[in-house]
PDB file of all heavy atoms in Angstrom:
ATOM      1  N   LEU A   1     170.555 154.201 200.107  1.00  0.00           N
ATOM      2  CA  LEU A   1     170.079 153.137 200.985  1.00  0.00           C
ATOM      3  C   LEU A   1     168.693 152.615 200.611  1.00  0.00           C
ATOM      4  O   LEU A   1     168.362 151.458 200.888  1.00  0.00           O
ATOM      5  CB  LEU A   1     170.040 153.631 202.431  1.00  0.00           C
ATOM      6  CG  LEU A   1     171.397 153.929 203.080  1.00  0.00           C
ATOM      7  CD1 LEU A   1     171.197 154.475 204.475  1.00  0.00           C
ATOM      8  CD2 LEU A   1     172.263 152.685 203.119  1.00  0.00           C
ATOM      9  N   GLU A   2     167.901 153.465 199.991  1.00  0.00           N
ATOM     10  CA  GLU A   2     166.512 153.116 199.672  1.00  0.00           C
ATOM     11  C   GLU A   2     166.217 153.463 198.210  1.00  0.00           C
ATOM     12  O   GLU A   2     165.517 154.423 197.913  1.00  0.00           O
ATOM     13  CB  GLU A   2     165.544 153.880 200.588  1.00  0.00           C
ATOM     14  CG  GLU A   2     165.651 153.526 202.057  1.00  0.00           C
ATOM     15  CD  GLU A   2     165.034 152.178 202.377  1.00  0.00           C
ATOM     16  OE1 GLU A   2     164.305 151.624 201.510  1.00  0.00           O
ATOM     17  OE2 GLU A   2     165.245 151.671 203.488  1.00  0.00           O
ATOM     18  N   PRO A   3     166.749 152.699 197.261  1.00  0.00           N
ATOM     19  CA  PRO A   3     166.547 153.023 195.850  1.00  0.00           C
ATOM     20  C   PRO A   3     165.078 153.142 195.449  1.00  0.00           C
ATOM     21  O   PRO A   3     164.745 153.912 194.551  1.00  0.00           O
ATOM     22  CB  PRO A   3     167.236 151.869 195.122  1.00  0.00           C
ATOM     23  CG  PRO A   3     168.230 151.332 196.094  1.00  0.00           C
ATOM     24  CD  PRO A   3     167.588 151.506 197.446  1.00  0.00           C
ATOM     25  N   GLU A   4     164.210 152.383 196.140  1.00  0.00           N
ATOM     26  CA  GLU A   4     162.786 152.432 195.794  1.00  0.00           C
ATOM     27  C   GLU A   4     162.150 153.771 196.157  1.00  0.00           C
ATOM     28  O   GLU A   4     161.015 154.063 195.768  1.00  0.00           O
ATOM     29  CB  GLU A   4     162.030 151.325 196.483  1.00  0.00           C
ATOM     30  CG  GLU A   4     161.960 151.461 198.005  1.00  0.00           C
ATOM     31  CD  GLU A   4     161.380 150.227 198.671  1.00  0.00           C
ATOM     32  OE1 GLU A   4     162.052 149.194 198.682  1.00  0.00           O
ATOM     33  OE2 GLU A   4     160.253 150.331 199.154  1.00  0.00           O
ATOM     34  N   ALA A   5     162.884 154.614 196.865  1.00  0.00           N
ATOM     35  CA  ALA A   5     162.336 155.923 197.245  1.00  0.00           C
ATOM     36  C   ALA A   5     162.200 156.841 196.045  1.00  0.00           C
ATOM     37  O   ALA A   5     161.399 157.774 196.062  1.00  0.00           O
ATOM     38  CB  ALA A   5     163.237 156.575 198.293  1.00  0.00           C
ATOM     39  N   ALA A   6     162.992 156.617 194.983  1.00  0.00           N
ATOM     40  CA  ALA A   6     162.923 157.485 193.807  1.00  0.00           C
ATOM     41  C   ALA A   6     161.517 157.484 193.224  1.00  0.00           C
ATOM     42  O   ALA A   6     160.957 156.432 192.917  1.00  0.00           O
ATOM     43  CB  ALA A   6     163.925 157.016 192.763  1.00  0.00           C
ATOM     44  N   GLY A   7     160.952 158.666 193.106  1.00  0.00           N
ATOM     45  CA  GLY A   7     159.593 158.793 192.604  1.00  0.00           C
ATOM     46  C   GLY A   7     158.519 158.430 193.611  1.00  0.00           C
ATOM     47  O   GLY A   7     157.338 158.466 193.307  1.00  0.00           O
ATOM     48  N   ASN A   8     158.924 158.090 194.827  1.00  0.00           N
ATOM     49  CA  ASN A   8     157.965 157.707 195.874  1.00  0.00           C
ATOM     50  C   ASN A   8     158.200 158.569 197.111  1.00  0.00           C
ATOM     51  O   ASN A   8     158.380 158.081 198.207  1.00  0.00           O
ATOM     52  CB  ASN A   8     158.123 156.230 196.207  1.00  0.00           C
ATOM     53  CG  ASN A   8     157.044 155.718 197.160  1.00  0.00           C
ATOM     54  OD1 ASN A   8     155.988 156.327 197.286  1.00  0.00           O
ATOM     55  ND2 ASN A   8     157.333 154.624 197.833  1.00  0.00           N
ATOM     56  N   GLY A   9     158.202 159.870 196.886  1.00  0.00           N
ATOM     57  CA  GLY A   9     158.440 160.809 197.980  1.00  0.00           C
ATOM     58  C   GLY A   9     159.810 161.431 197.913  1.00  0.00           C
ATOM     59  O   GLY A   9     160.081 162.406 198.611  1.00  0.00           O
ATOM     60  N   VAL A  10     160.712 160.889 197.070  1.00  0.00           N
ATOM     61  CA  VAL A  10     162.065 161.429 196.936  1.00  0.00           C
ATOM     62  C   VAL A  10     162.285 161.851 195.502  1.00  0.00           C
ATOM     63  O   VAL A  10     162.060 161.055 194.581  1.00  0.00           O
ATOM     64  CB  VAL A  10     163.124 160.380 197.351  1.00  0.00           C
ATOM     65  CG1 VAL A  10     164.528 160.909 197.101  1.00  0.00           C
ATOM     66  CG2 VAL A  10     162.945 160.009 198.808  1.00  0.00           C
ATOM     67  N   PRO A  11     162.685 163.079 195.240  1.00  0.00           N
ATOM     68  CA  PRO A  11     162.897 163.499 193.853  1.00  0.00           C
ATOM     69  C   PRO A  11     164.035 162.733 193.205  1.00  0.00           C
ATOM     70  O   PRO A  11     165.087 162.550 193.793  1.00  0.00           O
ATOM     71  CB  PRO A  11     163.243 164.993 193.997  1.00  0.00           C
ATOM     72  CG  PRO A  11     163.714 165.150 195.398  1.00  0.00           C
ATOM     73  CD  PRO A  11     162.981 164.144 196.217  1.00  0.00           C
ATOM     74  N   SER A  12     163.790 162.238 191.998  1.00  0.00           N
ATOM     75  CA  SER A  12     164.805 161.479 191.291  1.00  0.00           C
ATOM     76  C   SER A  12     165.561 162.334 190.287  1.00  0.00           C
ATOM     77  O   SER A  12     166.469 161.839 189.609  1.00  0.00           O
ATOM     78  CB  SER A  12     164.156 160.292 190.563  1.00  0.00           C
ATOM     79  OG  SER A  12     163.108 160.742 189.719  1.00  0.00           O
ATOM     80  N   GLY A  13     165.207 163.591 190.156  1.00  0.00           N
ATOM     81  CA  GLY A  13     165.880 164.510 189.243  1.00  0.00           C
ATOM     82  C   GLY A  13     165.574 165.938 189.618  1.00  0.00           C
ATOM     83  O   GLY A  13     164.842 166.205 190.575  1.00  0.00           O
ATOM     84  N   ARG A  14     166.124 166.841 188.889  1.00  0.00           N
ATOM     85  CA  ARG A  14     165.949 168.257 189.226  1.00  0.00           C
ATOM     86  C   ARG A  14     164.614 168.782 188.718  1.00  0.00           C
ATOM     87  O   ARG A  14     164.035 168.283 187.759  1.00  0.00           O
ATOM     88  CB  ARG A  14     167.094 169.079 188.673  1.00  0.00           C
ATOM     89  CG  ARG A  14     167.121 169.189 187.153  1.00  0.00           C
ATOM     90  CD  ARG A  14     168.210 170.137 186.682  1.00  0.00           C
ATOM     91  NE  ARG A  14     168.163 170.306 185.233  1.00  0.00           N
ATOM     92  CZ  ARG A  14     167.370 171.167 184.625  1.00  0.00           C
ATOM     93  NH1 ARG A  14     166.550 171.937 185.324  1.00  0.00           N
ATOM     94  NH2 ARG A  14     167.384 171.268 183.302  1.00  0.00           N
ATOM     95  N   ARG A  15     164.133 169.830 189.373  1.00  0.00           N
ATOM     96  CA  ARG A  15     162.927 170.514 188.926  1.00  0.00           C
ATOM     97  C   ARG A  15     163.246 171.414 187.743  1.00  0.00           C
ATOM     98  O   ARG A  15     164.370 171.869 187.590  1.00  0.00           O
ATOM     99  CB  ARG A  15     162.352 171.364 190.063  1.00  0.00           C
ATOM    100  CG  ARG A  15     161.646 170.576 191.153  1.00  0.00           C
ATOM    101  CD  ARG A  15     161.047 171.497 192.182  1.00  0.00           C
ATOM    102  NE  ARG A  15     160.278 170.761 193.174  1.00  0.00           N
ATOM    103  CZ  ARG A  15     158.994 170.440 193.043  1.00  0.00           C
ATOM    104  NH1 ARG A  15     158.347 170.801 191.969  1.00  0.00           N
ATOM    105  NH2 ARG A  15     158.365 169.762 193.991  1.00  0.00           N
ATOM    106  N   PRO A  16     162.239 171.719 186.913  1.00  0.00           N
ATOM    107  CA  PRO A  16     162.434 172.708 185.857  1.00  0.00           C
ATOM    108  C   PRO A  16     162.859 174.052 186.441  1.00  0.00           C
ATOM    109  O   PRO A  16     162.518 174.384 187.583  1.00  0.00           O
ATOM    110  CB  PRO A  16     161.043 172.816 185.213  1.00  0.00           C
ATOM    111  CG  PRO A  16     160.373 171.525 185.527  1.00  0.00           C
ATOM    112  CD  PRO A  16     160.891 171.108 186.874  1.00  0.00           C
ATOM    113  N   LEU A  17     163.633 174.813 185.690  1.00  0.00           N
ATOM    114  CA  LEU A  17     164.102 176.153 186.018  1.00  0.00           C
ATOM    115  C   LEU A  17     165.286 176.165 186.983  1.00  0.00           C
ATOM    116  O   LEU A  17     165.792 177.247 187.301  1.00  0.00           O
ATOM    117  CB  LEU A  17     162.995 177.048 186.590  1.00  0.00           C
ATOM    118  CG  LEU A  17     161.757 177.263 185.715  1.00  0.00           C
ATOM    119  CD1 LEU A  17     160.779 178.197 186.422  1.00  0.00           C
ATOM    120  CD2 LEU A  17     162.129 177.828 184.359  1.00  0.00           C
ATOM    121  N   THR A  18     165.744 175.018 187.470  1.00  0.00           N
ATOM    122  CA  THR A  18     166.795 175.004 188.472  1.00  0.00           C
ATOM    123  C   THR A  18     168.180 174.822 187.884  1.00  0.00           C
ATOM    124  O   THR A  18     169.140 174.612 188.625  1.00  0.00           O
ATOM    125  CB  THR A  18     166.523 173.904 189.512  1.00  0.00           C
ATOM    126  OG1 THR A  18     166.467 172.628 188.864  1.00  0.00           O
ATOM    127  CG2 THR A  18     165.226 174.155 190.256  1.00  0.00           C
ATOM    128  N   ALA A  19     168.306 174.898 186.547  1.00  0.00           N
ATOM    129  CA  ALA A  19     169.609 174.887 185.892  1.00  0.00           C
ATOM    130  C   ALA A  19     169.930 176.287 185.391  1.00  0.00           C
ATOM    131  O   ALA A  19     169.032 177.099 185.130  1.00  0.00           O
ATOM    132  CB  ALA A  19     169.637 173.881 184.742  1.00  0.00           C
ATOM    133  N   GLU A  20     171.204 176.581 185.245  1.00  0.00           N
ATOM    134  CA  GLU A  20     171.651 177.913 184.820  1.00  0.00           C
ATOM    135  C   GLU A  20     171.036 178.272 183.468  1.00  0.00           C
ATOM    136  O   GLU A  20     171.018 177.466 182.530  1.00  0.00           O
ATOM    137  CB  GLU A  20     173.166 177.956 184.733  1.00  0.00           C
ATOM    138  CG  GLU A  20     173.721 179.328 184.431  1.00  0.00           C
ATOM    139  CD  GLU A  20     175.243 179.362 184.490  1.00  0.00           C
ATOM    140  OE1 GLU A  20     175.851 178.293 184.707  1.00  0.00           O
ATOM    141  OE2 GLU A  20     175.815 180.451 184.331  1.00  0.00           O
ATOM    142  N   GLY A  21     170.500 179.490 183.366  1.00  0.00           N
ATOM    143  CA  GLY A  21     169.962 180.006 182.118  1.00  0.00           C
ATOM    144  C   GLY A  21     168.482 179.766 181.911  1.00  0.00           C
ATOM    145  O   GLY A  21     167.855 180.452 181.096  1.00  0.00           O
ATOM    146  N   GLU A  22     167.904 178.809 182.608  1.00  0.00           N
ATOM    147  CA  GLU A  22     166.499 178.475 182.367  1.00  0.00           C
ATOM    148  C   GLU A  22     165.547 179.569 182.838  1.00  0.00           C
ATOM    149  O   GLU A  22     164.539 179.852 182.175  1.00  0.00           O
ATOM    150  CB  GLU A  22     166.152 177.153 183.054  1.00  0.00           C
ATOM    151  CG  GLU A  22     166.789 175.938 182.402  1.00  0.00           C
ATOM    152  CD  GLU A  22     166.379 174.640 183.050  1.00  0.00           C
ATOM    153  OE1 GLU A  22     166.019 174.639 184.249  1.00  0.00           O
ATOM    154  OE2 GLU A  22     166.400 173.614 182.362  1.00  0.00           O
ATOM    155  N   LEU A  23     165.838 180.185 183.957  1.00  0.00           N
ATOM    156  CA  LEU A  23     164.973 181.257 184.457  1.00  0.00           C
ATOM    157  C   LEU A  23     165.049 182.459 183.523  1.00  0.00           C
ATOM    158  O   LEU A  23     164.030 183.106 183.256  1.00  0.00           O
ATOM    159  CB  LEU A  23     165.379 181.632 185.884  1.00  0.00           C
ATOM    160  CG  LEU A  23     164.410 182.524 186.664  1.00  0.00           C
ATOM    161  CD1 LEU A  23     163.035 181.869 186.778  1.00  0.00           C
ATOM    162  CD2 LEU A  23     164.971 182.823 188.052  1.00  0.00           C
ATOM    163  N   ARG A  24     166.229 182.772 183.030  1.00  0.00           N
ATOM    164  CA  ARG A  24     166.361 183.864 182.070  1.00  0.00           C
ATOM    165  C   ARG A  24     165.554 183.575 180.803  1.00  0.00           C
ATOM    166  O   ARG A  24     164.839 184.454 180.297  1.00  0.00           O
ATOM    167  CB  ARG A  24     167.840 184.069 181.713  1.00  0.00           C
ATOM    168  CG  ARG A  24     168.054 185.181 180.687  1.00  0.00           C
ATOM    169  CD  ARG A  24     169.469 185.234 180.156  1.00  0.00           C
ATOM    170  NE  ARG A  24     169.589 186.314 179.185  1.00  0.00           N
ATOM    171  CZ  ARG A  24     170.052 187.512 179.472  1.00  0.00           C
ATOM    172  NH1 ARG A  24     170.454 187.791 180.698  1.00  0.00           N
ATOM    173  NH2 ARG A  24     170.119 188.449 178.537  1.00  0.00           N
ATOM    174  N   GLU A  25     165.651 182.354 180.290  1.00  0.00           N
ATOM    175  CA  GLU A  25     164.898 181.977 179.100  1.00  0.00           C
ATOM    176  C   GLU A  25     163.389 182.126 179.336  1.00  0.00           C
ATOM    177  O   GLU A  25     162.656 182.542 178.427  1.00  0.00           O
ATOM    178  CB  GLU A  25     165.234 180.540 178.701  1.00  0.00           C
ATOM    179  CG  GLU A  25     166.662 180.366 178.175  1.00  0.00           C
ATOM    180  CD  GLU A  25     167.016 178.919 177.928  1.00  0.00           C
ATOM    181  OE1 GLU A  25     166.119 178.048 178.106  1.00  0.00           O
ATOM    182  OE2 GLU A  25     168.170 178.650 177.581  1.00  0.00           O
ATOM    183  N   LEU A  26     162.949 181.780 180.533  1.00  0.00           N
ATOM    184  CA  LEU A  26     161.533 181.942 180.858  1.00  0.00           C
ATOM    185  C   LEU A  26     161.122 183.403 180.754  1.00  0.00           C
ATOM    186  O   LEU A  26     160.087 183.726 180.164  1.00  0.00           O
ATOM    187  CB  LEU A  26     161.259 181.420 182.273  1.00  0.00           C
ATOM    188  CG  LEU A  26     159.839 181.635 182.808  1.00  0.00           C
ATOM    189  CD1 LEU A  26     158.847 180.778 182.046  1.00  0.00           C
ATOM    190  CD2 LEU A  26     159.771 181.346 184.304  1.00  0.00           C
ATOM    191  N   PHE A  27     161.898 184.292 181.325  1.00  0.00           N
ATOM    192  CA  PHE A  27     161.563 185.712 181.277  1.00  0.00           C
ATOM    193  C   PHE A  27     161.605 186.245 179.833  1.00  0.00           C
ATOM    194  O   PHE A  27     160.810 187.117 179.466  1.00  0.00           O
ATOM    195  CB  PHE A  27     162.506 186.506 182.169  1.00  0.00           C
ATOM    196  CG  PHE A  27     161.964 186.775 183.548  1.00  0.00           C
ATOM    197  CD1 PHE A  27     161.291 185.779 184.236  1.00  0.00           C
ATOM    198  CD2 PHE A  27     162.125 188.006 184.159  1.00  0.00           C
ATOM    199  CE1 PHE A  27     160.777 186.000 185.496  1.00  0.00           C
ATOM    200  CE2 PHE A  27     161.619 188.241 185.436  1.00  0.00           C
ATOM    201  CZ  PHE A  27     160.927 187.248 186.098  1.00  0.00           C
ATOM    202  N   GLU A  28     162.509 185.711 179.027  1.00  0.00           N
ATOM    203  CA  GLU A  28     162.592 186.168 177.644  1.00  0.00           C
ATOM    204  C   GLU A  28     161.328 185.840 176.870  1.00  0.00           C
ATOM    205  O   GLU A  28     160.932 186.597 175.977  1.00  0.00           O
ATOM    206  CB  GLU A  28     163.806 185.535 176.973  1.00  0.00           C
ATOM    207  CG  GLU A  28     165.147 186.117 177.447  1.00  0.00           C
ATOM    208  CD  GLU A  28     166.349 185.360 176.904  1.00  0.00           C
ATOM    209  OE1 GLU A  28     166.138 184.231 176.378  1.00  0.00           O
ATOM    210  OE2 GLU A  28     167.470 185.889 176.985  1.00  0.00           O
ATOM    211  N   THR A  29     160.662 184.734 177.203  1.00  0.00           N
ATOM    212  CA  THR A  29     159.447 184.351 176.482  1.00  0.00           C
ATOM    213  C   THR A  29     158.276 185.270 176.775  1.00  0.00           C
ATOM    214  O   THR A  29     157.289 185.267 176.034  1.00  0.00           O
ATOM    215  CB  THR A  29     159.028 182.910 176.819  1.00  0.00           C
ATOM    216  OG1 THR A  29     158.629 182.831 178.196  1.00  0.00           O
ATOM    217  CG2 THR A  29     160.160 181.925 176.556  1.00  0.00           C
ATOM    218  N   THR A  30     158.343 186.045 177.842  1.00  0.00           N
ATOM    219  CA  THR A  30     157.229 186.920 178.225  1.00  0.00           C
ATOM    220  C   THR A  30     157.236 188.258 177.509  1.00  0.00           C
ATOM    221  O   THR A  30     156.263 188.992 177.577  1.00  0.00           O
ATOM    222  CB  THR A  30     157.255 187.188 179.741  1.00  0.00           C
ATOM    223  OG1 THR A  30     158.393 188.020 180.039  1.00  0.00           O
ATOM    224  CG2 THR A  30     157.324 185.904 180.534  1.00  0.00           C
ATOM    225  N   GLY A  31     158.337 188.592 176.874  1.00  0.00           N
ATOM    226  CA  GLY A  31     158.463 189.899 176.252  1.00  0.00           C
ATOM    227  C   GLY A  31     159.078 190.956 177.130  1.00  0.00           C
ATOM    228  O   GLY A  31     159.177 192.121 176.749  1.00  0.00           O
TER     229      GLY A  31
END
């Protein structure tokens, strides 16, 4: 209903780490 909301208080995409495997990859980089 409000396309202009994208990027103006409404997320237009997903945050980092919220897809499958990304959190595991993050932990792998720490050793």
